[in-house]
Amino acid sequence: MEKFFLIGCQINEIELKELLLHRYGRYEFPEMKFDEFVEFVVLAIKSDRKDKIREEYLALLPSLVRVGKYMTFDKFYEDAMGSNIDWRPTSEIMKEVEEIQERFANGNRPV
C-alpha cells in the first residue's frame, strides 16, 4: 500500500491516465479491486520506465562499443535505477576522492 502513496507523490492524475491509455489503450479499470489497481499502476510505471531506459541504452550502445565500455542492458538498467548507490559514510567517500585527485596530480591514473 505504501507504493501507492509513493507513486501518488510522483505522478499526477493526467499523467497516470496518459500512461495507462498509452500502455493499455484505456485508463478505466472498474472491475479491479483498489489494491490490484495500485499494483497495476506500479507495474505500468516500472514497465514504462524500463522501456525508456532501454531506448536510451540502444541509443548509447554504438558509442559504448566504440570506446570499449560495452555493458549489458541489465547492468545499464541497474545503474540507471540507482542500484549502484554507494552507502558508505561521506568521510570515507571523500577520502577516496582525495586519493584519486592526488594520483592525478602525480600523473598517475586511478585504478
PDB file of N, CA and C in Angstrom:
ATOM      1  N   MET A   1       0.817  -1.191   0.000  1.00  0.00           N
ATOM      2  CA  MET A   1       0.000   0.000   0.000  1.00  0.00           C
ATOM      3  C   MET A   1       0.865   1.261   0.000  1.00  0.00           C
ATOM      4  N   GLU A   2       2.058   1.173   0.632  1.00  0.00           N
ATOM      5  CA  GLU A   2       2.927   2.342   0.647  1.00  0.00           C
ATOM      6  C   GLU A   2       3.388   2.719  -0.751  1.00  0.00           C
ATOM      7  N   LYS A   3       3.410   1.758  -1.670  1.00  0.00           N
ATOM      8  CA  LYS A   3       3.767   2.055  -3.060  1.00  0.00           C
ATOM      9  C   LYS A   3       2.795   3.068  -3.656  1.00  0.00           C
ATOM     10  N   PHE A   4       1.522   2.933  -3.279  1.00  0.00           N
ATOM     11  CA  PHE A   4       0.507   3.833  -3.811  1.00  0.00           C
ATOM     12  C   PHE A   4       0.823   5.281  -3.444  1.00  0.00           C
ATOM     13  N   PHE A   5       1.189   5.508  -2.188  1.00  0.00           N
ATOM     14  CA  PHE A   5       1.472   6.872  -1.749  1.00  0.00           C
ATOM     15  C   PHE A   5       2.751   7.404  -2.372  1.00  0.00           C
ATOM     16  N   LEU A   6       3.736   6.528  -2.528  1.00  0.00           N
ATOM     17  CA  LEU A   6       4.976   6.936  -3.200  1.00  0.00           C
ATOM     18  C   LEU A   6       4.686   7.330  -4.642  1.00  0.00           C
ATOM     19  N   ILE A   7       3.911   6.513  -5.331  1.00  0.00           N
ATOM     20  CA  ILE A   7       3.553   6.811  -6.724  1.00  0.00           C
ATOM     21  C   ILE A   7       2.694   8.059  -6.788  1.00  0.00           C
ATOM     22  N   GLY A   8       1.772   8.199  -5.856  1.00  0.00           N
ATOM     23  CA  GLY A   8       0.881   9.357  -5.832  1.00  0.00           C
ATOM     24  C   GLY A   8       1.631  10.668  -5.711  1.00  0.00           C
ATOM     25  N   CYS A   9       2.776  10.631  -5.070  1.00  0.00           N
ATOM     26  CA  CYS A   9       3.579  11.848  -4.924  1.00  0.00           C
ATOM     27  C   CYS A   9       4.368  12.149  -6.190  1.00  0.00           C
ATOM     28  N   GLN A  10       4.544  11.170  -7.046  1.00  0.00           N
ATOM     29  CA  GLN A  10       5.403  11.338  -8.211  1.00  0.00           C
ATOM     30  C   GLN A  10       4.641  11.570  -9.507  1.00  0.00           C
ATOM     31  N   ILE A  11       3.356  11.273  -9.552  1.00  0.00           N
ATOM     32  CA  ILE A  11       2.636  11.335 -10.819  1.00  0.00           C
ATOM     33  C   ILE A  11       1.260  11.944 -10.579  1.00  0.00           C
ATOM     34  N   ASN A  12       0.832  12.832 -11.452  1.00  0.00           N
ATOM     35  CA  ASN A  12      -0.490  13.433 -11.271  1.00  0.00           C
ATOM     36  C   ASN A  12      -1.538  12.654 -12.062  1.00  0.00           C
ATOM     37  N   GLU A  13      -2.792  12.980 -11.888  1.00  0.00           N
ATOM     38  CA  GLU A  13      -3.888  12.221 -12.479  1.00  0.00           C
ATOM     39  C   GLU A  13      -3.817  12.181 -14.007  1.00  0.00           C
ATOM     40  N   ILE A  14      -3.490  13.313 -14.616  1.00  0.00           N
ATOM     41  CA  ILE A  14      -3.415  13.364 -16.077  1.00  0.00           C
ATOM     42  C   ILE A  14      -2.292  12.461 -16.586  1.00  0.00           C
ATOM     43  N   GLU A  15      -1.117  12.518 -15.935  1.00  0.00           N
ATOM     44  CA  GLU A  15      -0.008  11.659 -16.341  1.00  0.00           C
ATOM     45  C   GLU A  15      -0.377  10.189 -16.187  1.00  0.00           C
ATOM     46  N   LEU A  16      -1.089   9.858 -15.112  1.00  0.00           N
ATOM     47  CA  LEU A  16      -1.496   8.480 -14.886  1.00  0.00           C
ATOM     48  C   LEU A  16      -2.436   8.005 -15.993  1.00  0.00           C
ATOM     49  N   LYS A  17      -3.419   8.815 -16.339  1.00  0.00           N
ATOM     50  CA  LYS A  17      -4.358   8.443 -17.399  1.00  0.00           C
ATOM     51  C   LYS A  17      -3.625   8.284 -18.733  1.00  0.00           C
ATOM     52  N   GLU A  18      -2.699   9.180 -19.011  1.00  0.00           N
ATOM     53  CA  GLU A  18      -1.946   9.106 -20.266  1.00  0.00           C
ATOM     54  C   GLU A  18      -1.111   7.827 -20.303  1.00  0.00           C
ATOM     55  N   LEU A  19      -0.472   7.495 -19.175  1.00  0.00           N
ATOM     56  CA  LEU A  19       0.347   6.284 -19.098  1.00  0.00           C
ATOM     57  C   LEU A  19      -0.504   5.042 -19.329  1.00  0.00           C
ATOM     58  N   LEU A  20      -1.633   4.954 -18.636  1.00  0.00           N
ATOM     59  CA  LEU A  20      -2.487   3.782 -18.784  1.00  0.00           C
ATOM     60  C   LEU A  20      -3.084   3.706 -20.191  1.00  0.00           C
ATOM     61  N   LEU A  21      -3.458   4.841 -20.734  1.00  0.00           N
ATOM     62  CA  LEU A  21      -4.012   4.874 -22.083  1.00  0.00           C
ATOM     63  C   LEU A  21      -2.954   4.452 -23.101  1.00  0.00           C
ATOM     64  N   HIS A  22      -1.737   4.942 -22.911  1.00  0.00           N
ATOM     65  CA  HIS A  22      -0.635   4.608 -23.816  1.00  0.00           C
ATOM     66  C   HIS A  22      -0.304   3.117 -23.759  1.00  0.00           C
ATOM     67  N   ARG A  23      -0.190   2.561 -22.557  1.00  0.00           N
ATOM     68  CA  ARG A  23       0.228   1.165 -22.400  1.00  0.00           C
ATOM     69  C   ARG A  23      -0.887   0.168 -22.687  1.00  0.00           C
ATOM     70  N   TYR A  24      -2.124   0.509 -22.296  1.00  0.00           N
ATOM     71  CA  TYR A  24      -3.192  -0.485 -22.339  1.00  0.00           C
ATOM     72  C   TYR A  24      -4.399  -0.070 -23.179  1.00  0.00           C
ATOM     73  N   GLY A  25      -4.374   1.120 -23.746  1.00  0.00           N
ATOM     74  CA  GLY A  25      -5.464   1.553 -24.605  1.00  0.00           C
ATOM     75  C   GLY A  25      -6.687   2.058 -23.856  1.00  0.00           C
ATOM     76  N   ARG A  26      -6.623   2.074 -22.551  1.00  0.00           N
ATOM     77  CA  ARG A  26      -7.710   2.643 -21.745  1.00  0.00           C
ATOM     78  C   ARG A  26      -7.155   2.995 -20.364  1.00  0.00           C
ATOM     79  N   TYR A  27      -7.909   3.797 -19.623  1.00  0.00           N
ATOM     80  CA  TYR A  27      -7.443   4.157 -18.290  1.00  0.00           C
ATOM     81  C   TYR A  27      -8.485   3.901 -17.213  1.00  0.00           C
ATOM     82  N   GLU A  28      -9.587   3.326 -17.569  1.00  0.00           N
ATOM     83  CA  GLU A  28     -10.590   2.968 -16.572  1.00  0.00           C
ATOM     84  C   GLU A  28     -10.623   1.457 -16.410  1.00  0.00           C
ATOM     85  N   PHE A  29     -10.500   0.989 -15.202  1.00  0.00           N
ATOM     86  CA  PHE A  29     -10.486  -0.434 -14.902  1.00  0.00           C
ATOM     87  C   PHE A  29     -11.450  -0.690 -13.741  1.00  0.00           C
ATOM     88  N   PRO A  30     -12.769  -0.541 -13.974  1.00  0.00           N
ATOM     89  CA  PRO A  30     -13.744  -0.604 -12.881  1.00  0.00           C
ATOM     90  C   PRO A  30     -13.854  -1.977 -12.222  1.00  0.00           C
ATOM     91  N   GLU A  31     -13.481  -3.047 -12.923  1.00  0.00           N
ATOM     92  CA  GLU A  31     -13.650  -4.376 -12.346  1.00  0.00           C
ATOM     93  C   GLU A  31     -12.532  -4.746 -11.373  1.00  0.00           C
ATOM     94  N   MET A  32     -11.515  -3.916 -11.243  1.00  0.00           N
ATOM     95  CA  MET A  32     -10.383  -4.221 -10.368  1.00  0.00           C
ATOM     96  C   MET A  32     -10.625  -3.719  -8.955  1.00  0.00           C
ATOM     97  N   LYS A  33     -10.092  -4.490  -7.998  1.00  0.00           N
ATOM     98  CA  LYS A  33     -10.078  -4.025  -6.616  1.00  0.00           C
ATOM     99  C   LYS A  33      -9.024  -2.924  -6.512  1.00  0.00           C
ATOM    100  N   PHE A  34      -9.150  -2.097  -5.491  1.00  0.00           N
ATOM    101  CA  PHE A  34      -8.250  -0.960  -5.334  1.00  0.00           C
ATOM    102  C   PHE A  34      -6.793  -1.404  -5.255  1.00  0.00           C
ATOM    103  N   ASP A  35      -6.500  -2.407  -4.405  1.00  0.00           N
ATOM    104  CA  ASP A  35      -5.111  -2.869  -4.250  1.00  0.00           C
ATOM    105  C   ASP A  35      -4.550  -3.423  -5.554  1.00  0.00           C
ATOM    106  N   GLU A  36      -5.387  -4.127  -6.305  1.00  0.00           N
ATOM    107  CA  GLU A  36      -4.951  -4.657  -7.592  1.00  0.00           C
ATOM    108  C   GLU A  36      -4.650  -3.524  -8.565  1.00  0.00           C
ATOM    109  N   PHE A  37      -5.499  -2.502  -8.532  1.00  0.00           N
ATOM    110  CA  PHE A  37      -5.289  -1.363  -9.425  1.00  0.00           C
ATOM    111  C   PHE A  37      -3.981  -0.651  -9.094  1.00  0.00           C
ATOM    112  N   VAL A  38      -3.687  -0.505  -7.800  1.00  0.00           N
ATOM    113  CA  VAL A  38      -2.434   0.146  -7.390  1.00  0.00           C
ATOM    114  C   VAL A  38      -1.249  -0.662  -7.906  1.00  0.00           C
ATOM    115  N   GLU A  39      -1.297  -1.981  -7.746  1.00  0.00           N
ATOM    116  CA  GLU A  39      -0.216  -2.822  -8.252  1.00  0.00           C
ATOM    117  C   GLU A  39      -0.106  -2.719  -9.771  1.00  0.00           C
ATOM    118  N   PHE A  40      -1.229  -2.622 -10.423  1.00  0.00           N
ATOM    119  CA  PHE A  40      -1.278  -2.474 -11.874  1.00  0.00           C
ATOM    120  C   PHE A  40      -0.605  -1.167 -12.299  1.00  0.00           C
ATOM    121  N   VAL A  41      -0.906  -0.091 -11.597  1.00  0.00           N
ATOM    122  CA  VAL A  41      -0.305   1.212 -11.904  1.00  0.00           C
ATOM    123  C   VAL A  41       1.197   1.168 -11.664  1.00  0.00           C
ATOM    124  N   VAL A  42       1.611   0.584 -10.544  1.00  0.00           N
ATOM    125  CA  VAL A  42       3.045   0.480 -10.248  1.00  0.00           C
ATOM    126  C   VAL A  42       3.751  -0.308 -11.343  1.00  0.00           C
ATOM    127  N   LEU A  43       3.156  -1.414 -11.766  1.00  0.00           N
ATOM    128  CA  LEU A  43       3.741  -2.211 -12.844  1.00  0.00           C
ATOM    129  C   LEU A  43       3.820  -1.417 -14.146  1.00  0.00           C
ATOM    130  N   ALA A  44       2.776  -0.660 -14.456  1.00  0.00           N
ATOM    131  CA  ALA A  44       2.777   0.156 -15.673  1.00  0.00           C
ATOM    132  C   ALA A  44       3.891   1.197 -15.626  1.00  0.00           C
ATOM    133  N   ILE A  45       4.074   1.822 -14.481  1.00  0.00           N
ATOM    134  CA  ILE A  45       5.117   2.848 -14.335  1.00  0.00           C
ATOM    135  C   ILE A  45       6.495   2.216 -14.461  1.00  0.00           C
ATOM    136  N   LYS A  46       6.708   1.072 -13.796  1.00  0.00           N
ATOM    137  CA  LYS A  46       8.002   0.394 -13.889  1.00  0.00           C
ATOM    138  C   LYS A  46       8.286  -0.043 -15.330  1.00  0.00           C
ATOM    139  N   SER A  47       7.270  -0.578 -15.996  1.00  0.00           N
ATOM    140  CA  SER A  47       7.449  -1.030 -17.379  1.00  0.00           C
ATOM    141  C   SER A  47       7.761   0.142 -18.299  1.00  0.00           C
ATOM    142  N   ASP A  48       7.064   1.249 -18.092  1.00  0.00           N
ATOM    143  CA  ASP A  48       7.305   2.438 -18.908  1.00  0.00           C
ATOM    144  C   ASP A  48       8.714   2.967 -18.679  1.00  0.00           C
ATOM    145  N   ARG A  49       9.135   2.992 -17.429  1.00  0.00           N
ATOM    146  CA  ARG A  49      10.488   3.459 -17.095  1.00  0.00           C
ATOM    147  C   ARG A  49      11.534   2.542 -17.723  1.00  0.00           C
ATOM    148  N   LYS A  50      11.295   1.227 -17.665  1.00  0.00           N
ATOM    149  CA  LYS A  50      12.245   0.282 -18.246  1.00  0.00           C
ATOM    150  C   LYS A  50      12.310   0.448 -19.762  1.00  0.00           C
ATOM    151  N   ASP A  51      11.169   0.690 -20.399  1.00  0.00           N
ATOM    152  CA  ASP A  51      11.153   0.926 -21.848  1.00  0.00           C
ATOM    153  C   ASP A  51      11.983   2.156 -22.215  1.00  0.00           C
ATOM    154  N   LYS A  52      11.843   3.226 -21.440  1.00  0.00           N
ATOM    155  CA  LYS A  52      12.608   4.447 -21.719  1.00  0.00           C
ATOM    156  C   LYS A  52      14.100   4.233 -21.517  1.00  0.00           C
ATOM    157  N   ILE A  53      14.455   3.472 -20.473  1.00  0.00           N
ATOM    158  CA  ILE A  53      15.862   3.168 -20.231  1.00  0.00           C
ATOM    159  C   ILE A  53      16.408   2.293 -21.351  1.00  0.00           C
ATOM    160  N   ARG A  54      15.605   1.353 -21.844  1.00  0.00           N
ATOM    161  CA  ARG A  54      16.033   0.503 -22.969  1.00  0.00           C
ATOM    162  C   ARG A  54      16.293   1.345 -24.210  1.00  0.00           C
ATOM    163  N   GLU A  55      15.418   2.311 -24.480  1.00  0.00           N
ATOM    164  CA  GLU A  55      15.626   3.195 -25.630  1.00  0.00           C
ATOM    165  C   GLU A  55      16.924   3.978 -25.488  1.00  0.00           C
ATOM    166  N   GLU A  56      17.190   4.468 -24.285  1.00  0.00           N
ATOM    167  CA  GLU A  56      18.433   5.199 -24.039  1.00  0.00           C
ATOM    168  C   GLU A  56      19.633   4.276 -24.242  1.00  0.00           C
ATOM    169  N   TYR A  57      19.545   3.051 -23.727  1.00  0.00           N
ATOM    170  CA  TYR A  57      20.625   2.073 -23.881  1.00  0.00           C
ATOM    171  C   TYR A  57      20.920   1.801 -25.351  1.00  0.00           C
ATOM    172  N   LEU A  58      19.866   1.577 -26.118  1.00  0.00           N
ATOM    173  CA  LEU A  58      20.055   1.291 -27.539  1.00  0.00           C
ATOM    174  C   LEU A  58      20.666   2.475 -28.284  1.00  0.00           C
ATOM    175  N   ALA A  59      20.318   3.684 -27.864  1.00  0.00           N
ATOM    176  CA  ALA A  59      20.891   4.872 -28.494  1.00  0.00           C
ATOM    177  C   ALA A  59      22.378   5.021 -28.141  1.00  0.00           C
ATOM    178  N   LEU A  60      22.754   4.638 -26.911  1.00  0.00           N
ATOM    179  CA  LEU A  60      24.142   4.786 -26.474  1.00  0.00           C
ATOM    180  C   LEU A  60      25.025   3.594 -26.835  1.00  0.00           C
ATOM    181  N   LEU A  61      24.414   2.465 -27.139  1.00  0.00           N
ATOM    182  CA  LEU A  61      25.174   1.233 -27.368  1.00  0.00           C
ATOM    183  C   LEU A  61      26.285   1.367 -28.404  1.00  0.00           C
ATOM    184  N   PRO A  62      26.056   1.959 -29.579  1.00  0.00           N
ATOM    185  CA  PRO A  62      27.168   2.088 -30.530  1.00  0.00           C
ATOM    186  C   PRO A  62      28.360   2.866 -29.958  1.00  0.00           C
ATOM    187  N   SER A  63      28.072   3.913 -29.204  1.00  0.00           N
ATOM    188  CA  SER A  63      29.159   4.700 -28.606  1.00  0.00           C
ATOM    189  C   SER A  63      29.880   3.909 -27.530  1.00  0.00           C
ATOM    190  N   LEU A  64      29.139   3.153 -26.733  1.00  0.00           N
ATOM    191  CA  LEU A  64      29.764   2.342 -25.692  1.00  0.00           C
ATOM    192  C   LEU A  64      30.691   1.300 -26.291  1.00  0.00           C
ATOM    193  N   VAL A  65      30.254   0.675 -27.359  1.00  0.00           N
ATOM    194  CA  VAL A  65      31.078  -0.344 -28.028  1.00  0.00           C
ATOM    195  C   VAL A  65      32.311   0.306 -28.637  1.00  0.00           C
ATOM    196  N   ARG A  66      32.125   1.456 -29.280  1.00  0.00           N
ATOM    197  CA  ARG A  66      33.232   2.139 -29.949  1.00  0.00           C
ATOM    198  C   ARG A  66      34.347   2.509 -28.974  1.00  0.00           C
ATOM    199  N   VAL A  67      34.005   2.951 -27.765  1.00  0.00           N
ATOM    200  CA  VAL A  67      35.042   3.351 -26.803  1.00  0.00           C
ATOM    201  C   VAL A  67      35.448   2.211 -25.871  1.00  0.00           C
ATOM    202  N   GLY A  68      34.934   1.008 -26.150  1.00  0.00           N
ATOM    203  CA  GLY A  68      35.338  -0.157 -25.366  1.00  0.00           C
ATOM    204  C   GLY A  68      34.704  -0.236 -23.990  1.00  0.00           C
ATOM    205  N   LYS A  69      33.550   0.377 -23.805  1.00  0.00           N
ATOM    206  CA  LYS A  69      32.881   0.346 -22.498  1.00  0.00           C
ATOM    207  C   LYS A  69      31.519  -0.344 -22.595  1.00  0.00           C
ATOM    208  N   TYR A  70      31.467  -1.408 -23.392  1.00  0.00           N
ATOM    209  CA  TYR A  70      30.217  -2.140 -23.549  1.00  0.00           C
ATOM    210  C   TYR A  70      29.753  -2.685 -22.202  1.00  0.00           C
ATOM    211  N   MET A  71      28.462  -2.616 -21.980  1.00  0.00           N
ATOM    212  CA  MET A  71      27.861  -3.251 -20.810  1.00  0.00           C
ATOM    213  C   MET A  71      26.522  -3.843 -21.226  1.00  0.00           C
ATOM    214  N   THR A  72      26.104  -4.848 -20.494  1.00  0.00           N
ATOM    215  CA  THR A  72      24.826  -5.481 -20.809  1.00  0.00           C
ATOM    216  C   THR A  72      23.685  -4.534 -20.441  1.00  0.00           C
ATOM    217  N   PHE A  73      22.516  -4.798 -20.998  1.00  0.00           N
ATOM    218  CA  PHE A  73      21.370  -3.969 -20.652  1.00  0.00           C
ATOM    219  C   PHE A  73      21.051  -4.080 -19.171  1.00  0.00           C
ATOM    220  N   ASP A  74      21.180  -5.281 -18.608  1.00  0.00           N
ATOM    221  CA  ASP A  74      20.880  -5.457 -17.182  1.00  0.00           C
ATOM    222  C   ASP A  74      21.761  -4.562 -16.311  1.00  0.00           C
ATOM    223  N   LYS A  75      23.043  -4.480 -16.644  1.00  0.00           N
ATOM    224  CA  LYS A  75      23.973  -3.612 -15.890  1.00  0.00           C
ATOM    225  C   LYS A  75      23.595  -2.148 -16.089  1.00  0.00           C
ATOM    226  N   PHE A  76      23.300  -1.779 -17.326  1.00  0.00           N
ATOM    227  CA  PHE A  76      22.906  -0.401 -17.634  1.00  0.00           C
ATOM    228  C   PHE A  76      21.636  -0.042 -16.859  1.00  0.00           C
ATOM    229  N   TYR A  77      20.683  -0.971 -16.817  1.00  0.00           N
ATOM    230  CA  TYR A  77      19.420  -0.755 -16.110  1.00  0.00           C
ATOM    231  C   TYR A  77      19.653  -0.591 -14.616  1.00  0.00           C
ATOM    232  N   GLU A  78      20.493  -1.451 -14.039  1.00  0.00           N
ATOM    233  CA  GLU A  78      20.810  -1.340 -12.617  1.00  0.00           C
ATOM    234  C   GLU A  78      21.415   0.023 -12.300  1.00  0.00           C
ATOM    235  N   ASP A  79      22.351   0.465 -13.127  1.00  0.00           N
ATOM    236  CA  ASP A  79      22.986   1.766 -12.919  1.00  0.00           C
ATOM    237  C   ASP A  79      21.964   2.892 -13.031  1.00  0.00           C
ATOM    238  N   ALA A  80      21.077   2.804 -14.017  1.00  0.00           N
ATOM    239  CA  ALA A  80      20.086   3.855 -14.237  1.00  0.00           C
ATOM    240  C   ALA A  80      19.057   3.922 -13.113  1.00  0.00           C
ATOM    241  N   MET A  81      18.759   2.787 -12.511  1.00  0.00           N
ATOM    242  CA  MET A  81      17.739   2.738 -11.469  1.00  0.00           C
ATOM    243  C   MET A  81      18.302   3.035 -10.088  1.00  0.00           C
ATOM    244  N   GLY A  82      19.597   3.270  -9.995  1.00  0.00           N
ATOM    245  CA  GLY A  82      20.159   3.669  -8.709  1.00  0.00           C
ATOM    246  C   GLY A  82      20.558   2.524  -7.810  1.00  0.00           C
ATOM    247  N   SER A  83      20.602   1.299  -8.350  1.00  0.00           N
ATOM    248  CA  SER A  83      21.017   0.186  -7.510  1.00  0.00           C
ATOM    249  C   SER A  83      22.523   0.216  -7.274  1.00  0.00           C
ATOM    250  N   ASN A  84      23.190   1.201  -7.864  1.00  0.00           N
ATOM    251  CA  ASN A  84      24.633   1.353  -7.689  1.00  0.00           C
ATOM    252  C   ASN A  84      24.970   2.436  -6.660  1.00  0.00           C
ATOM    253  N   ILE A  85      24.035   2.754  -5.803  1.00  0.00           N
ATOM    254  CA  ILE A  85      24.246   3.806  -4.805  1.00  0.00           C
ATOM    255  C   ILE A  85      25.281   3.351  -3.787  1.00  0.00           C
ATOM    256  N   ASP A  86      26.214   4.209  -3.510  1.00  0.00           N
ATOM    257  CA  ASP A  86      27.260   3.924  -2.547  1.00  0.00           C
ATOM    258  C   ASP A  86      26.782   4.362  -1.163  1.00  0.00           C
ATOM    259  N   TRP A  87      26.626   3.427  -0.268  1.00  0.00           N
ATOM    260  CA  TRP A  87      26.071   3.716   1.061  1.00  0.00           C
ATOM    261  C   TRP A  87      27.152   3.931   2.119  1.00  0.00           C
ATOM    262  N   ARG A  88      28.401   4.058   1.676  1.00  0.00           N
ATOM    263  CA  ARG A  88      29.475   4.309   2.643  1.00  0.00           C
ATOM    264  C   ARG A  88      29.313   5.699   3.250  1.00  0.00           C
ATOM    265  N   PRO A  89      29.924   5.920   4.402  1.00  0.00           N
ATOM    266  CA  PRO A  89      29.867   7.260   5.003  1.00  0.00           C
ATOM    267  C   PRO A  89      30.546   8.292   4.098  1.00  0.00           C
ATOM    268  N   THR A  90      30.068   9.518   4.172  1.00  0.00           N
ATOM    269  CA  THR A  90      30.598  10.603   3.343  1.00  0.00           C
ATOM    270  C   THR A  90      32.105  10.765   3.534  1.00  0.00           C
ATOM    271  N   SER A  91      32.571  10.658   4.767  1.00  0.00           N
ATOM    272  CA  SER A  91      34.006  10.846   5.039  1.00  0.00           C
ATOM    273  C   SER A  91      34.850   9.816   4.295  1.00  0.00           C
ATOM    274  N   GLU A  92      34.368   8.582   4.211  1.00  0.00           N
ATOM    275  CA  GLU A  92      35.101   7.534   3.500  1.00  0.00           C
ATOM    276  C   GLU A  92      35.133   7.808   1.998  1.00  0.00           C
ATOM    277  N   ILE A  93      34.022   8.252   1.459  1.00  0.00           N
ATOM    278  CA  ILE A  93      33.955   8.566   0.029  1.00  0.00           C
ATOM    279  C   ILE A  93      34.865   9.750  -0.289  1.00  0.00           C
ATOM    280  N   MET A  94      34.840  10.777   0.561  1.00  0.00           N
ATOM    281  CA  MET A  94      35.679  11.958   0.342  1.00  0.00           C
ATOM    282  C   MET A  94      37.163  11.603   0.422  1.00  0.00           C
ATOM    283  N   LYS A  95      37.513  10.685   1.307  1.00  0.00           N
ATOM    284  CA  LYS A  95      38.904  10.242   1.402  1.00  0.00           C
ATOM    285  C   LYS A  95      39.332   9.575   0.095  1.00  0.00           C
ATOM    286  N   GLU A  96      38.460   8.748  -0.475  1.00  0.00           N
ATOM    287  CA  GLU A  96      38.755   8.102  -1.749  1.00  0.00           C
ATOM    288  C   GLU A  96      38.897   9.132  -2.873  1.00  0.00           C
ATOM    289  N   VAL A  97      38.038  10.150  -2.872  1.00  0.00           N
ATOM    290  CA  VAL A  97      38.113  11.214  -3.874  1.00  0.00           C
ATOM    291  C   VAL A  97      39.456  11.943  -3.770  1.00  0.00           C
ATOM    292  N   GLU A  98      39.872  12.250  -2.561  1.00  0.00           N
ATOM    293  CA  GLU A  98      41.159  12.930  -2.366  1.00  0.00           C
ATOM    294  C   GLU A  98      42.322  12.071  -2.854  1.00  0.00           C
ATOM    295  N   GLU A  99      42.255  10.756  -2.611  1.00  0.00           N
ATOM    296  CA  GLU A  99      43.307   9.860  -3.092  1.00  0.00           C
ATOM    297  C   GLU A  99      43.370   9.851  -4.618  1.00  0.00           C
ATOM    298  N   ILE A 100      42.218   9.849  -5.257  1.00  0.00           N
ATOM    299  CA  ILE A 100      42.175   9.873  -6.727  1.00  0.00           C
ATOM    300  C   ILE A 100      42.748  11.190  -7.244  1.00  0.00           C
ATOM    301  N   GLN A 101      42.395  12.301  -6.603  1.00  0.00           N
ATOM    302  CA  GLN A 101      42.920  13.605  -7.015  1.00  0.00           C
ATOM    303  C   GLN A 101      44.430  13.657  -6.855  1.00  0.00           C
ATOM    304  N   GLU A 102      44.964  13.072  -5.792  1.00  0.00           N
ATOM    305  CA  GLU A 102      46.408  13.036  -5.589  1.00  0.00           C
ATOM    306  C   GLU A 102      47.094  12.227  -6.697  1.00  0.00           C
ATOM    307  N   ARG A 103      46.494  11.088  -7.072  1.00  0.00           N
ATOM    308  CA  ARG A 103      47.066  10.285  -8.146  1.00  0.00           C
ATOM    309  C   ARG A 103      47.100  11.059  -9.449  1.00  0.00           C
ATOM    310  N   PHE A 104      46.034  11.802  -9.732  1.00  0.00           N
ATOM    311  CA  PHE A 104      46.002  12.622 -10.947  1.00  0.00           C
ATOM    312  C   PHE A 104      47.065  13.715 -10.878  1.00  0.00           C
ATOM    313  N   ALA A 105      47.206  14.333  -9.724  1.00  0.00           N
ATOM    314  CA  ALA A 105      48.195  15.401  -9.564  1.00  0.00           C
ATOM    315  C   ALA A 105      49.601  14.871  -9.768  1.00  0.00           C
ATOM    316  N   ASN A 106      49.838  13.611  -9.389  1.00  0.00           N
ATOM    317  CA  ASN A 106      51.156  13.000  -9.546  1.00  0.00           C
ATOM    318  C   ASN A 106      51.347  12.361 -10.915  1.00  0.00           C
ATOM    319  N   GLY A 107      50.349  12.499 -11.785  1.00  0.00           N
ATOM    320  CA  GLY A 107      50.466  11.952 -13.127  1.00  0.00           C
ATOM    321  C   GLY A 107      50.052  10.500 -13.257  1.00  0.00           C
ATOM    322  N   ASN A 108      49.527   9.936 -12.186  1.00  0.00           N
ATOM    323  CA  ASN A 108      49.077   8.537 -12.228  1.00  0.00           C
ATOM    324  C   ASN A 108      47.561   8.509 -12.434  1.00  0.00           C
ATOM    325  N   ARG A 109      47.145   7.553 -13.214  1.00  0.00           N
ATOM    326  CA  ARG A 109      45.704   7.389 -13.439  1.00  0.00           C
ATOM    327  C   ARG A 109      45.100   6.551 -12.323  1.00  0.00           C
ATOM    328  N   PRO A 110      43.834   6.826 -11.997  1.00  0.00           N
ATOM    329  CA  PRO A 110      43.182   5.994 -10.967  1.00  0.00           C
ATOM    330  C   PRO A 110      42.948   4.578 -11.476  1.00  0.00           C
ATOM    331  N   VAL A 111      42.906   3.669 -10.567  1.00  0.00           N
ATOM    332  CA  VAL A 111      42.718   2.255 -10.915  1.00  0.00           C
ATOM    333  C   VAL A 111      41.256   1.962 -11.118  1.00  0.00           C
TER     334      VAL A 111
END
